[in-house]
Amino acid sequence: MKTLAKKMAITLSGTILFFNNALAQSASFFDNPQTGAIPNVSAQGTLGQNVTNIINFFLGLLGLIAVAFLIYAGVLMVTAGGEEEQVTKAKKIISYAVVGIVIILLSYTIVTFVSSALG
């Protein structure tokens, strides 16, 4: 399980490093496909905006993972077949996922507030 987590962390790190560049390269083409204008380097945002975008990306990814846990717990509960142990396991997963979603939403609110306060 630890090796899977390490592999996922490395993959996500590599994806994040090249994610912003890929979006910056494709943005000018989709903005004006006839001219294919060169993207304005200064329009990519400040360091604070880029950090905020990365944090929001990770929060969105964590939100997707929490929703996946909710779906998994729902399937676990539906397929329990009357086994009380499996139902209690699913209830624990649901409660932890809901707490995680609340924490993610609060984190997003804090990041947005700090980002707007700093300019």
PDB file of N, CA and C in Angstrom:
ATOM      1  N   MET A   1       0.817  -1.186   0.000  1.00  0.00           N
ATOM      2  CA  MET A   1       0.000   0.000   0.000  1.00  0.00           C
ATOM      3  C   MET A   1       0.865   1.257   0.000  1.00  0.00           C
ATOM      4  N   LYS A   2       1.998   1.204   0.726  1.00  0.00           N
ATOM      5  CA  LYS A   2       2.871   2.365   0.772  1.00  0.00           C
ATOM      6  C   LYS A   2       3.505   2.625  -0.585  1.00  0.00           C
ATOM      7  N   THR A   3       3.839   1.570  -1.318  1.00  0.00           N
ATOM      8  CA  THR A   3       4.440   1.773  -2.631  1.00  0.00           C
ATOM      9  C   THR A   3       3.424   2.382  -3.589  1.00  0.00           C
ATOM     10  N   LEU A   4       2.164   2.000  -3.459  1.00  0.00           N
ATOM     11  CA  LEU A   4       1.124   2.586  -4.299  1.00  0.00           C
ATOM     12  C   LEU A   4       0.985   4.070  -4.003  1.00  0.00           C
ATOM     13  N   ALA A   5       1.021   4.435  -2.738  1.00  0.00           N
ATOM     14  CA  ALA A   5       0.915   5.845  -2.362  1.00  0.00           C
ATOM     15  C   ALA A   5       2.118   6.629  -2.884  1.00  0.00           C
ATOM     16  N   LYS A   6       3.308   6.034  -2.813  1.00  0.00           N
ATOM     17  CA  LYS A   6       4.498   6.705  -3.331  1.00  0.00           C
ATOM     18  C   LYS A   6       4.396   6.913  -4.837  1.00  0.00           C
ATOM     19  N   LYS A   7       3.942   5.884  -5.543  1.00  0.00           N
ATOM     20  CA  LYS A   7       3.809   5.989  -6.996  1.00  0.00           C
ATOM     21  C   LYS A   7       2.786   7.053  -7.374  1.00  0.00           C
ATOM     22  N   MET A   8       1.673   7.108  -6.626  1.00  0.00           N
ATOM     23  CA  MET A   8       0.654   8.112  -6.907  1.00  0.00           C
ATOM     24  C   MET A   8       1.183   9.514  -6.627  1.00  0.00           C
ATOM     25  N   ALA A   9       1.934   9.681  -5.552  1.00  0.00           N
ATOM     26  CA  ALA A   9       2.490  10.996  -5.221  1.00  0.00           C
ATOM     27  C   ALA A   9       3.480  11.450  -6.286  1.00  0.00           C
ATOM     28  N   ILE A  10       4.312  10.547  -6.765  1.00  0.00           N
ATOM     29  CA  ILE A  10       5.280  10.897  -7.803  1.00  0.00           C
ATOM     30  C   ILE A  10       4.562  11.253  -9.099  1.00  0.00           C
ATOM     31  N   THR A  11       3.546  10.486  -9.436  1.00  0.00           N
ATOM     32  CA  THR A  11       2.787  10.761 -10.655  1.00  0.00           C
ATOM     33  C   THR A  11       2.087  12.106 -10.575  1.00  0.00           C
ATOM     34  N   LEU A  12       1.461  12.399  -9.444  1.00  0.00           N
ATOM     35  CA  LEU A  12       0.777  13.678  -9.284  1.00  0.00           C
ATOM     36  C   LEU A  12       1.754  14.836  -9.308  1.00  0.00           C
ATOM     37  N   SER A  13       2.915  14.666  -8.699  1.00  0.00           N
ATOM     38  CA  SER A  13       3.918  15.723  -8.701  1.00  0.00           C
ATOM     39  C   SER A  13       4.380  16.019 -10.124  1.00  0.00           C
ATOM     40  N   GLY A  14       4.646  14.982 -10.873  1.00  0.00           N
ATOM     41  CA  GLY A  14       5.055  15.173 -12.257  1.00  0.00           C
ATOM     42  C   GLY A  14       3.974  15.806 -13.100  1.00  0.00           C
ATOM     43  N   THR A  15       2.733  15.439 -12.848  1.00  0.00           N
ATOM     44  CA  THR A  15       1.625  16.010 -13.592  1.00  0.00           C
ATOM     45  C   THR A  15       1.480  17.487 -13.291  1.00  0.00           C
ATOM     46  N   ILE A  16       1.605  17.860 -12.035  1.00  0.00           N
ATOM     47  CA  ILE A  16       1.450  19.253 -11.639  1.00  0.00           C
ATOM     48  C   ILE A  16       2.541  20.125 -12.251  1.00  0.00           C
ATOM     49  N   LEU A  17       3.756  19.606 -12.323  1.00  0.00           N
ATOM     50  CA  LEU A  17       4.850  20.401 -12.863  1.00  0.00           C
ATOM     51  C   LEU A  17       4.611  20.786 -14.312  1.00  0.00           C
ATOM     52  N   PHE A  18       3.980  19.910 -15.078  1.00  0.00           N
ATOM     53  CA  PHE A  18       3.780  20.176 -16.495  1.00  0.00           C
ATOM     54  C   PHE A  18       2.362  20.603 -16.825  1.00  0.00           C
ATOM     55  N   PHE A  19       1.475  20.613 -15.853  1.00  0.00           N
ATOM     56  CA  PHE A  19       0.077  20.946 -16.092  1.00  0.00           C
ATOM     57  C   PHE A  19      -0.091  22.392 -16.516  1.00  0.00           C
ATOM     58  N   ASN A  20       0.556  23.320 -15.808  1.00  0.00           N
ATOM     59  CA  ASN A  20       0.416  24.737 -16.100  1.00  0.00           C
ATOM     60  C   ASN A  20       0.978  25.070 -17.475  1.00  0.00           C
ATOM     61  N   ASN A  21       2.118  24.480 -17.838  1.00  0.00           N
ATOM     62  CA  ASN A  21       2.709  24.740 -19.151  1.00  0.00           C
ATOM     63  C   ASN A  21       1.818  24.225 -20.272  1.00  0.00           C
ATOM     64  N   ALA A  22       1.202  23.076 -20.083  1.00  0.00           N
ATOM     65  CA  ALA A  22       0.331  22.522 -21.113  1.00  0.00           C
ATOM     66  C   ALA A  22      -0.878  23.417 -21.334  1.00  0.00           C
ATOM     67  N   LEU A  23      -1.446  23.941 -20.265  1.00  0.00           N
ATOM     68  CA  LEU A  23      -2.583  24.836 -20.410  1.00  0.00           C
ATOM     69  C   LEU A  23      -2.171  26.150 -21.052  1.00  0.00           C
ATOM     70  N   ALA A  24      -0.995  26.659 -20.711  1.00  0.00           N
ATOM     71  CA  ALA A  24      -0.536  27.922 -21.278  1.00  0.00           C
ATOM     72  C   ALA A  24      -0.282  27.777 -22.774  1.00  0.00           C
ATOM     73  N   GLN A  25       0.197  26.628 -23.217  1.00  0.00           N
ATOM     74  CA  GLN A  25       0.471  26.439 -24.625  1.00  0.00           C
ATOM     75  C   GLN A  25      -0.800  26.319 -25.443  1.00  0.00           C
ATOM     76  N   SER A  26      -1.833  25.714 -24.877  1.00  0.00           N
ATOM     77  CA  SER A  26      -3.054  25.514 -25.640  1.00  0.00           C
ATOM     78  C   SER A  26      -3.992  26.703 -25.560  1.00  0.00           C
ATOM     79  N   ALA A  27      -3.788  27.615 -24.620  1.00  0.00           N
ATOM     80  CA  ALA A  27      -4.741  28.699 -24.412  1.00  0.00           C
ATOM     81  C   ALA A  27      -4.806  29.639 -25.611  1.00  0.00           C
ATOM     82  N   SER A  28      -3.663  29.997 -26.198  1.00  0.00           N
ATOM     83  CA  SER A  28      -3.682  30.959 -27.293  1.00  0.00           C
ATOM     84  C   SER A  28      -4.368  30.373 -28.526  1.00  0.00           C
ATOM     85  N   PHE A  29      -4.206  29.106 -28.777  1.00  0.00           N
ATOM     86  CA  PHE A  29      -4.839  28.496 -29.942  1.00  0.00           C
ATOM     87  C   PHE A  29      -6.355  28.515 -29.808  1.00  0.00           C
ATOM     88  N   PHE A  30      -6.854  28.198 -28.613  1.00  0.00           N
ATOM     89  CA  PHE A  30      -8.298  28.161 -28.444  1.00  0.00           C
ATOM     90  C   PHE A  30      -8.897  29.553 -28.296  1.00  0.00           C
ATOM     91  N   ASP A  31      -8.103  30.536 -27.868  1.00  0.00           N
ATOM     92  CA  ASP A  31      -8.598  31.896 -27.789  1.00  0.00           C
ATOM     93  C   ASP A  31      -8.808  32.483 -29.176  1.00  0.00           C
ATOM     94  N   ASN A  32      -7.864  32.256 -30.055  1.00  0.00           N
ATOM     95  CA  ASN A  32      -7.950  32.805 -31.401  1.00  0.00           C
ATOM     96  C   ASN A  32      -7.389  31.795 -32.395  1.00  0.00           C
ATOM     97  N   PRO A  33      -8.197  30.837 -32.839  1.00  0.00           N
ATOM     98  CA  PRO A  33      -7.665  29.775 -33.703  1.00  0.00           C
ATOM     99  C   PRO A  33      -7.251  30.253 -35.093  1.00  0.00           C
ATOM    100  N   GLN A  34      -7.800  31.397 -35.586  1.00  0.00           N
ATOM    101  CA  GLN A  34      -7.444  31.846 -36.934  1.00  0.00           C
ATOM    102  C   GLN A  34      -6.020  32.380 -36.980  1.00  0.00           C
ATOM    103  N   THR A  35      -5.634  33.160 -35.983  1.00  0.00           N
ATOM    104  CA  THR A  35      -4.309  33.772 -36.040  1.00  0.00           C
ATOM    105  C   THR A  35      -3.250  32.933 -35.344  1.00  0.00           C
ATOM    106  N   GLY A  36      -3.632  32.151 -34.362  1.00  0.00           N
ATOM    107  CA  GLY A  36      -2.656  31.376 -33.616  1.00  0.00           C
ATOM    108  C   GLY A  36      -1.657  32.278 -32.915  1.00  0.00           C
ATOM    109  N   ALA A  37      -2.156  33.327 -32.289  1.00  0.00           N
ATOM    110  CA  ALA A  37      -1.295  34.336 -31.667  1.00  0.00           C
ATOM    111  C   ALA A  37      -0.398  33.714 -30.602  1.00  0.00           C
ATOM    112  N   ILE A  38       0.782  34.272 -30.452  1.00  0.00           N
ATOM    113  CA  ILE A  38       1.737  33.818 -29.442  1.00  0.00           C
ATOM    114  C   ILE A  38       1.211  34.228 -28.069  1.00  0.00           C
ATOM    115  N   PRO A  39       1.234  33.310 -27.101  1.00  0.00           N
ATOM    116  CA  PRO A  39       0.700  33.672 -25.783  1.00  0.00           C
ATOM    117  C   PRO A  39       1.522  34.764 -25.114  1.00  0.00           C
ATOM    118  N   ASN A  40       0.834  35.623 -24.392  1.00  0.00           N
ATOM    119  CA  ASN A  40       1.490  36.702 -23.656  1.00  0.00           C
ATOM    120  C   ASN A  40       2.054  36.120 -22.363  1.00  0.00           C
ATOM    121  N   VAL A  41       3.380  36.159 -22.218  1.00  0.00           N
ATOM    122  CA  VAL A  41       4.026  35.551 -21.060  1.00  0.00           C
ATOM    123  C   VAL A  41       3.630  36.277 -19.780  1.00  0.00           C
ATOM    124  N   SER A  42       3.446  37.572 -19.843  1.00  0.00           N
ATOM    125  CA  SER A  42       3.096  38.334 -18.649  1.00  0.00           C
ATOM    126  C   SER A  42       1.664  38.060 -18.203  1.00  0.00           C
ATOM    127  N   ALA A  43       0.839  37.466 -19.058  1.00  0.00           N
ATOM    128  CA  ALA A  43      -0.560  37.201 -18.714  1.00  0.00           C
ATOM    129  C   ALA A  43      -0.733  35.875 -17.979  1.00  0.00           C
ATOM    130  N   GLN A  44       0.366  35.189 -17.652  1.00  0.00           N
ATOM    131  CA  GLN A  44       0.247  33.899 -16.990  1.00  0.00           C
ATOM    132  C   GLN A  44      -0.036  34.037 -15.505  1.00  0.00           C
ATOM    133  N   GLY A  45       0.079  35.199 -14.937  1.00  0.00           N
ATOM    134  CA  GLY A  45      -0.245  35.403 -13.542  1.00  0.00           C
ATOM    135  C   GLY A  45       0.997  35.549 -12.683  1.00  0.00           C
ATOM    136  N   THR A  46       0.756  36.007 -11.476  1.00  0.00           N
ATOM    137  CA  THR A  46       1.853  36.197 -10.533  1.00  0.00           C
ATOM    138  C   THR A  46       2.139  34.890  -9.816  1.00  0.00           C
ATOM    139  N   LEU A  47       3.182  34.913  -9.006  1.00  0.00           N
ATOM    140  CA  LEU A  47       3.539  33.723  -8.234  1.00  0.00           C
ATOM    141  C   LEU A  47       2.411  33.354  -7.276  1.00  0.00           C
ATOM    142  N   GLY A  48       1.820  34.339  -6.631  1.00  0.00           N
ATOM    143  CA  GLY A  48       0.720  34.081  -5.703  1.00  0.00           C
ATOM    144  C   GLY A  48      -0.476  33.446  -6.385  1.00  0.00           C
ATOM    145  N   GLN A  49      -0.800  33.925  -7.585  1.00  0.00           N
ATOM    146  CA  GLN A  49      -1.916  33.336  -8.329  1.00  0.00           C
ATOM    147  C   GLN A  49      -1.607  31.906  -8.740  1.00  0.00           C
ATOM    148  N   ASN A  50      -0.364  31.660  -9.144  1.00  0.00           N
ATOM    149  CA  ASN A  50       0.011  30.297  -9.536  1.00  0.00           C
ATOM    150  C   ASN A  50      -0.036  29.348  -8.346  1.00  0.00           C
ATOM    151  N   VAL A  51       0.429  29.807  -7.180  1.00  0.00           N
ATOM    152  CA  VAL A  51       0.375  28.975  -5.979  1.00  0.00           C
ATOM    153  C   VAL A  51      -1.075  28.712  -5.594  1.00  0.00           C
ATOM    154  N   THR A  52      -1.909  29.734  -5.693  1.00  0.00           N
ATOM    155  CA  THR A  52      -3.334  29.564  -5.393  1.00  0.00           C
ATOM    156  C   THR A  52      -3.971  28.561  -6.346  1.00  0.00           C
ATOM    157  N   ASN A  53      -3.618  28.636  -7.612  1.00  0.00           N
ATOM    158  CA  ASN A  53      -4.160  27.685  -8.592  1.00  0.00           C
ATOM    159  C   ASN A  53      -3.727  26.258  -8.275  1.00  0.00           C
ATOM    160  N   ILE A  54      -2.477  26.075  -7.875  1.00  0.00           N
ATOM    161  CA  ILE A  54      -1.981  24.739  -7.545  1.00  0.00           C
ATOM    162  C   ILE A  54      -2.699  24.200  -6.306  1.00  0.00           C
ATOM    163  N   ILE A  55      -2.860  25.050  -5.282  1.00  0.00           N
ATOM    164  CA  ILE A  55      -3.555  24.625  -4.068  1.00  0.00           C
ATOM    165  C   ILE A  55      -5.001  24.266  -4.388  1.00  0.00           C
ATOM    166  N   ASN A  56      -5.661  25.085  -5.207  1.00  0.00           N
ATOM    167  CA  ASN A  56      -7.049  24.790  -5.577  1.00  0.00           C
ATOM    168  C   ASN A  56      -7.146  23.506  -6.386  1.00  0.00           C
ATOM    169  N   PHE A  57      -6.142  23.244  -7.224  1.00  0.00           N
ATOM    170  CA  PHE A  57      -6.134  21.991  -7.978  1.00  0.00           C
ATOM    171  C   PHE A  57      -6.066  20.791  -7.034  1.00  0.00           C
ATOM    172  N   PHE A  58      -5.146  20.871  -6.053  1.00  0.00           N
ATOM    173  CA  PHE A  58      -5.027  19.773  -5.094  1.00  0.00           C
ATOM    174  C   PHE A  58      -6.300  19.616  -4.256  1.00  0.00           C
ATOM    175  N   LEU A  59      -6.922  20.728  -3.881  1.00  0.00           N
ATOM    176  CA  LEU A  59      -8.170  20.632  -3.118  1.00  0.00           C
ATOM    177  C   LEU A  59      -9.270  19.995  -3.964  1.00  0.00           C
ATOM    178  N   GLY A  60      -9.317  20.328  -5.239  1.00  0.00           N
ATOM    179  CA  GLY A  60     -10.288  19.689  -6.129  1.00  0.00           C
ATOM    180  C   GLY A  60     -10.024  18.204  -6.286  1.00  0.00           C
ATOM    181  N   LEU A  61      -8.759  17.848  -6.377  1.00  0.00           N
ATOM    182  CA  LEU A  61      -8.390  16.434  -6.475  1.00  0.00           C
ATOM    183  C   LEU A  61      -8.782  15.688  -5.199  1.00  0.00           C
ATOM    184  N   LEU A  62      -8.527  16.297  -4.054  1.00  0.00           N
ATOM    185  CA  LEU A  62      -8.931  15.678  -2.791  1.00  0.00           C
ATOM    186  C   LEU A  62     -10.448  15.554  -2.696  1.00  0.00           C
ATOM    187  N   GLY A  63     -11.159  16.540  -3.225  1.00  0.00           N
ATOM    188  CA  GLY A  63     -12.619  16.458  -3.250  1.00  0.00           C
ATOM    189  C   GLY A  63     -13.109  15.290  -4.096  1.00  0.00           C
ATOM    190  N   LEU A  64     -12.459  15.081  -5.227  1.00  0.00           N
ATOM    191  CA  LEU A  64     -12.826  13.933  -6.070  1.00  0.00           C
ATOM    192  C   LEU A  64     -12.555  12.613  -5.362  1.00  0.00           C
ATOM    193  N   ILE A  65     -11.442  12.552  -4.640  1.00  0.00           N
ATOM    194  CA  ILE A  65     -11.119  11.334  -3.899  1.00  0.00           C
ATOM    195  C   ILE A  65     -12.149  11.096  -2.802  1.00  0.00           C
ATOM    196  N   ALA A  66     -12.574  12.164  -2.123  1.00  0.00           N
ATOM    197  CA  ALA A  66     -13.583  12.028  -1.070  1.00  0.00           C
ATOM    198  C   ALA A  66     -14.909  11.553  -1.647  1.00  0.00           C
ATOM    199  N   VAL A  67     -15.287  12.064  -2.811  1.00  0.00           N
ATOM    200  CA  VAL A  67     -16.528  11.609  -3.457  1.00  0.00           C
ATOM    201  C   VAL A  67     -16.394  10.148  -3.874  1.00  0.00           C
ATOM    202  N   ALA A  68     -15.211   9.755  -4.331  1.00  0.00           N
ATOM    203  CA  ALA A  68     -14.996   8.349  -4.693  1.00  0.00           C
ATOM    204  C   ALA A  68     -15.150   7.450  -3.469  1.00  0.00           C
ATOM    205  N   PHE A  69     -14.662   7.919  -2.299  1.00  0.00           N
ATOM    206  CA  PHE A  69     -14.857   7.151  -1.070  1.00  0.00           C
ATOM    207  C   PHE A  69     -16.340   7.070  -0.704  1.00  0.00           C
ATOM    208  N   LEU A  70     -17.085   8.135  -0.935  1.00  0.00           N
ATOM    209  CA  LEU A  70     -18.526   8.085  -0.676  1.00  0.00           C
ATOM    210  C   LEU A  70     -19.207   7.046  -1.563  1.00  0.00           C
ATOM    211  N   ILE A  71     -18.833   7.017  -2.825  1.00  0.00           N
ATOM    212  CA  ILE A  71     -19.409   6.036  -3.747  1.00  0.00           C
ATOM    213  C   ILE A  71     -19.018   4.628  -3.331  1.00  0.00           C
ATOM    214  N   TYR A  72     -17.744   4.439  -2.960  1.00  0.00           N
ATOM    215  CA  TYR A  72     -17.282   3.127  -2.516  1.00  0.00           C
ATOM    216  C   TYR A  72     -18.054   2.669  -1.277  1.00  0.00           C
ATOM    217  N   ALA A  73     -18.241   3.577  -0.328  1.00  0.00           N
ATOM    218  CA  ALA A  73     -18.970   3.228   0.887  1.00  0.00           C
ATOM    219  C   ALA A  73     -20.427   2.909   0.578  1.00  0.00           C
ATOM    220  N   GLY A  74     -21.009   3.644  -0.357  1.00  0.00           N
ATOM    221  CA  GLY A  74     -22.392   3.347  -0.748  1.00  0.00           C
ATOM    222  C   GLY A  74     -22.520   1.974  -1.376  1.00  0.00           C
ATOM    223  N   VAL A  75     -21.592   1.623  -2.234  1.00  0.00           N
ATOM    224  CA  VAL A  75     -21.607   0.292  -2.850  1.00  0.00           C
ATOM    225  C   VAL A  75     -21.383  -0.770  -1.785  1.00  0.00           C
ATOM    226  N   LEU A  76     -20.473  -0.496  -0.866  1.00  0.00           N
ATOM    227  CA  LEU A  76     -20.197  -1.432   0.225  1.00  0.00           C
ATOM    228  C   LEU A  76     -21.444  -1.657   1.073  1.00  0.00           C
ATOM    229  N   MET A  77     -22.182  -0.588   1.331  1.00  0.00           N
ATOM    230  CA  MET A  77     -23.381  -0.697   2.155  1.00  0.00           C
ATOM    231  C   MET A  77     -24.495  -1.447   1.416  1.00  0.00           C
ATOM    232  N   VAL A  78     -24.622  -1.169   0.130  1.00  0.00           N
ATOM    233  CA  VAL A  78     -25.685  -1.829  -0.646  1.00  0.00           C
ATOM    234  C   VAL A  78     -25.400  -3.318  -0.789  1.00  0.00           C
ATOM    235  N   THR A  79     -24.141  -3.679  -0.957  1.00  0.00           N
ATOM    236  CA  THR A  79     -23.794  -5.086  -1.154  1.00  0.00           C
ATOM    237  C   THR A  79     -23.498  -5.809   0.158  1.00  0.00           C
ATOM    238  N   ALA A  80     -23.802  -5.201   1.287  1.00  0.00           N
ATOM    239  CA  ALA A  80     -23.499  -5.808   2.586  1.00  0.00           C
ATOM    240  C   ALA A  80     -24.280  -7.095   2.803  1.00  0.00           C
ATOM    241  N   GLY A  81     -25.470  -7.159   2.325  1.00  0.00           N
ATOM    242  CA  GLY A  81     -26.272  -8.375   2.465  1.00  0.00           C
ATOM    243  C   GLY A  81     -26.622  -8.691   3.909  1.00  0.00           C
ATOM    244  N   GLY A  82     -26.782  -7.685   4.725  1.00  0.00           N
ATOM    245  CA  GLY A  82     -27.177  -7.903   6.108  1.00  0.00           C
ATOM    246  C   GLY A  82     -26.022  -8.085   7.078  1.00  0.00           C
ATOM    247  N   GLU A  83     -24.796  -8.069   6.597  1.00  0.00           N
ATOM    248  CA  GLU A  83     -23.645  -8.203   7.488  1.00  0.00           C
ATOM    249  C   GLU A  83     -23.419  -6.882   8.218  1.00  0.00           C
ATOM    250  N   GLU A  84     -23.574  -6.931   9.524  1.00  0.00           N
ATOM    251  CA  GLU A  84     -23.479  -5.710  10.332  1.00  0.00           C
ATOM    252  C   GLU A  84     -22.076  -5.114  10.308  1.00  0.00           C
ATOM    253  N   GLU A  85     -21.059  -5.970  10.233  1.00  0.00           N
ATOM    254  CA  GLU A  85     -19.677  -5.488  10.221  1.00  0.00           C
ATOM    255  C   GLU A  85     -19.395  -4.650   8.980  1.00  0.00           C
ATOM    256  N   GLN A  86     -19.894  -5.096   7.842  1.00  0.00           N
ATOM    257  CA  GLN A  86     -19.680  -4.370   6.601  1.00  0.00           C
ATOM    258  C   GLN A  86     -20.464  -3.055   6.588  1.00  0.00           C
ATOM    259  N   VAL A  87     -21.649  -3.051   7.182  1.00  0.00           N
ATOM    260  CA  VAL A  87     -22.448  -1.832   7.246  1.00  0.00           C
ATOM    261  C   VAL A  87     -21.772  -0.798   8.139  1.00  0.00           C
ATOM    262  N   THR A  88     -21.237  -1.224   9.282  1.00  0.00           N
ATOM    263  CA  THR A  88     -20.550  -0.273  10.163  1.00  0.00           C
ATOM    264  C   THR A  88     -19.266   0.259   9.509  1.00  0.00           C
ATOM    265  N   LYS A  89     -18.584  -0.586   8.739  1.00  0.00           N
ATOM    266  CA  LYS A  89     -17.397  -0.135   8.009  1.00  0.00           C
ATOM    267  C   LYS A  89     -17.785   0.942   6.989  1.00  0.00           C
ATOM    268  N   ALA A  90     -18.891   0.714   6.283  1.00  0.00           N
ATOM    269  CA  ALA A  90     -19.363   1.686   5.290  1.00  0.00           C
ATOM    270  C   ALA A  90     -19.788   2.989   5.962  1.00  0.00           C
ATOM    271  N   LYS A  91     -20.423   2.891   7.125  1.00  0.00           N
ATOM    272  CA  LYS A  91     -20.835   4.103   7.843  1.00  0.00           C
ATOM    273  C   LYS A  91     -19.618   4.909   8.293  1.00  0.00           C
ATOM    274  N   LYS A  92     -18.574   4.223   8.738  1.00  0.00           N
ATOM    275  CA  LYS A  92     -17.340   4.922   9.132  1.00  0.00           C
ATOM    276  C   LYS A  92     -16.729   5.642   7.935  1.00  0.00           C
ATOM    277  N   ILE A  93     -16.673   4.950   6.801  1.00  0.00           N
ATOM    278  CA  ILE A  93     -16.097   5.556   5.602  1.00  0.00           C
ATOM    279  C   ILE A  93     -16.905   6.775   5.189  1.00  0.00           C
ATOM    280  N   ILE A  94     -18.229   6.680   5.255  1.00  0.00           N
ATOM    281  CA  ILE A  94     -19.083   7.814   4.887  1.00  0.00           C
ATOM    282  C   ILE A  94     -18.844   8.985   5.824  1.00  0.00           C
ATOM    283  N   SER A  95     -18.761   8.716   7.116  1.00  0.00           N
ATOM    284  CA  SER A  95     -18.561   9.821   8.062  1.00  0.00           C
ATOM    285  C   SER A  95     -17.194  10.475   7.858  1.00  0.00           C
ATOM    286  N   TYR A  96     -16.161   9.667   7.630  1.00  0.00           N
ATOM    287  CA  TYR A  96     -14.833  10.240   7.390  1.00  0.00           C
ATOM    288  C   TYR A  96     -14.798  11.030   6.081  1.00  0.00           C
ATOM    289  N   ALA A  97     -15.478  10.534   5.056  1.00  0.00           N
ATOM    290  CA  ALA A  97     -15.500  11.243   3.775  1.00  0.00           C
ATOM    291  C   ALA A  97     -16.241  12.573   3.896  1.00  0.00           C
ATOM    292  N   VAL A  98     -17.330  12.594   4.645  1.00  0.00           N
ATOM    293  CA  VAL A  98     -18.073  13.841   4.827  1.00  0.00           C
ATOM    294  C   VAL A  98     -17.231  14.843   5.614  1.00  0.00           C
ATOM    295  N   VAL A  99     -16.553  14.376   6.655  1.00  0.00           N
ATOM    296  CA  VAL A  99     -15.657  15.267   7.410  1.00  0.00           C
ATOM    297  C   VAL A  99     -14.549  15.786   6.490  1.00  0.00           C
ATOM    298  N   GLY A 100     -14.024  14.931   5.631  1.00  0.00           N
ATOM    299  CA  GLY A 100     -12.999  15.356   4.682  1.00  0.00           C
ATOM    300  C   GLY A 100     -13.512  16.408   3.720  1.00  0.00           C
ATOM    301  N   ILE A 101     -14.721  16.245   3.227  1.00  0.00           N
ATOM    302  CA  ILE A 101     -15.303  17.228   2.313  1.00  0.00           C
ATOM    303  C   ILE A 101     -15.493  18.567   3.013  1.00  0.00           C
ATOM    304  N   VAL A 102     -15.940  18.531   4.267  1.00  0.00           N
ATOM    305  CA  VAL A 102     -16.107  19.780   5.020  1.00  0.00           C
ATOM    306  C   VAL A 102     -14.757  20.473   5.203  1.00  0.00           C
ATOM    307  N   ILE A 103     -13.721  19.705   5.534  1.00  0.00           N
ATOM    308  CA  ILE A 103     -12.384  20.286   5.704  1.00  0.00           C
ATOM    309  C   ILE A 103     -11.877  20.863   4.378  1.00  0.00           C
ATOM    310  N   ILE A 104     -12.124  20.163   3.285  1.00  0.00           N
ATOM    311  CA  ILE A 104     -11.700  20.649   1.970  1.00  0.00           C
ATOM    312  C   ILE A 104     -12.408  21.952   1.632  1.00  0.00           C
ATOM    313  N   LEU A 105     -13.708  22.032   1.887  1.00  0.00           N
ATOM    314  CA  LEU A 105     -14.448  23.259   1.604  1.00  0.00           C
ATOM    315  C   LEU A 105     -13.961  24.418   2.472  1.00  0.00           C
ATOM    316  N   LEU A 106     -13.688  24.144   3.743  1.00  0.00           N
ATOM    317  CA  LEU A 106     -13.144  25.188   4.608  1.00  0.00           C
ATOM    318  C   LEU A 106     -11.753  25.627   4.137  1.00  0.00           C
ATOM    319  N   SER A 107     -10.944  24.684   3.702  1.00  0.00           N
ATOM    320  CA  SER A 107      -9.616  25.016   3.193  1.00  0.00           C
ATOM    321  C   SER A 107      -9.711  25.885   1.946  1.00  0.00           C
ATOM    322  N   TYR A 108     -10.640  25.549   1.078  1.00  0.00           N
ATOM    323  CA  TYR A 108     -10.841  26.346  -0.137  1.00  0.00           C
ATOM    324  C   TYR A 108     -11.264  27.771   0.229  1.00  0.00           C
ATOM    325  N   THR A 109     -12.142  27.892   1.215  1.00  0.00           N
ATOM    326  CA  THR A 109     -12.593  29.206   1.653  1.00  0.00           C
ATOM    327  C   THR A 109     -11.428  30.010   2.231  1.00  0.00           C
ATOM    328  N   ILE A 110     -10.603  29.377   3.034  1.00  0.00           N
ATOM    329  CA  ILE A 110      -9.454  30.064   3.630  1.00  0.00           C
ATOM    330  C   ILE A 110      -8.461  30.490   2.541  1.00  0.00           C
ATOM    331  N   VAL A 111      -8.175  29.610   1.588  1.00  0.00           N
ATOM    332  CA  VAL A 111      -7.237  29.951   0.511  1.00  0.00           C
ATOM    333  C   VAL A 111      -7.783  31.108  -0.305  1.00  0.00           C
ATOM    334  N   THR A 112      -9.068  31.092  -0.614  1.00  0.00           N
ATOM    335  CA  THR A 112      -9.671  32.170  -1.383  1.00  0.00           C
ATOM    336  C   THR A 112      -9.621  33.495  -0.623  1.00  0.00           C
ATOM    337  N   PHE A 113      -9.911  33.439   0.676  1.00  0.00           N
ATOM    338  CA  PHE A 113      -9.875  34.649   1.496  1.00  0.00           C
ATOM    339  C   PHE A 113      -8.468  35.212   1.579  1.00  0.00           C
ATOM    340  N   VAL A 114      -7.482  34.371   1.859  1.00  0.00           N
ATOM    341  CA  VAL A 114      -6.101  34.839   1.970  1.00  0.00           C
ATOM    342  C   VAL A 114      -5.601  35.364   0.630  1.00  0.00           C
ATOM    343  N   SER A 115      -5.958  34.684  -0.450  1.00  0.00           N
ATOM    344  CA  SER A 115      -5.542  35.115  -1.770  1.00  0.00           C
ATOM    345  C   SER A 115      -6.114  36.485  -2.119  1.00  0.00           C
ATOM    346  N   SER A 116      -7.376  36.712  -1.800  1.00  0.00           N
ATOM    347  CA  SER A 116      -7.977  38.008  -2.099  1.00  0.00           C
ATOM    348  C   SER A 116      -7.456  39.091  -1.152  1.00  0.00           C
ATOM    349  N   ALA A 117      -7.124  38.729   0.077  1.00  0.00           N
ATOM    350  CA  ALA A 117      -6.604  39.705   1.027  1.00  0.00           C
ATOM    351  C   ALA A 117      -5.195  40.159   0.649  1.00  0.00           C
ATOM    352  N   LEU A 118      -4.400  39.241   0.117  1.00  0.00           N
ATOM    353  CA  LEU A 118      -3.039  39.590  -0.269  1.00  0.00           C
ATOM    354  C   LEU A 118      -2.978  40.282  -1.629  1.00  0.00           C
ATOM    355  N   GLY A 119      -4.036  40.199  -2.364  1.00  0.00           N
ATOM    356  CA  GLY A 119      -4.074  40.907  -3.655  1.00  0.00           C
ATOM    357  C   GLY A 119      -3.779  40.010  -4.745  1.00  0.00           C
TER     358      GLY A 119
END
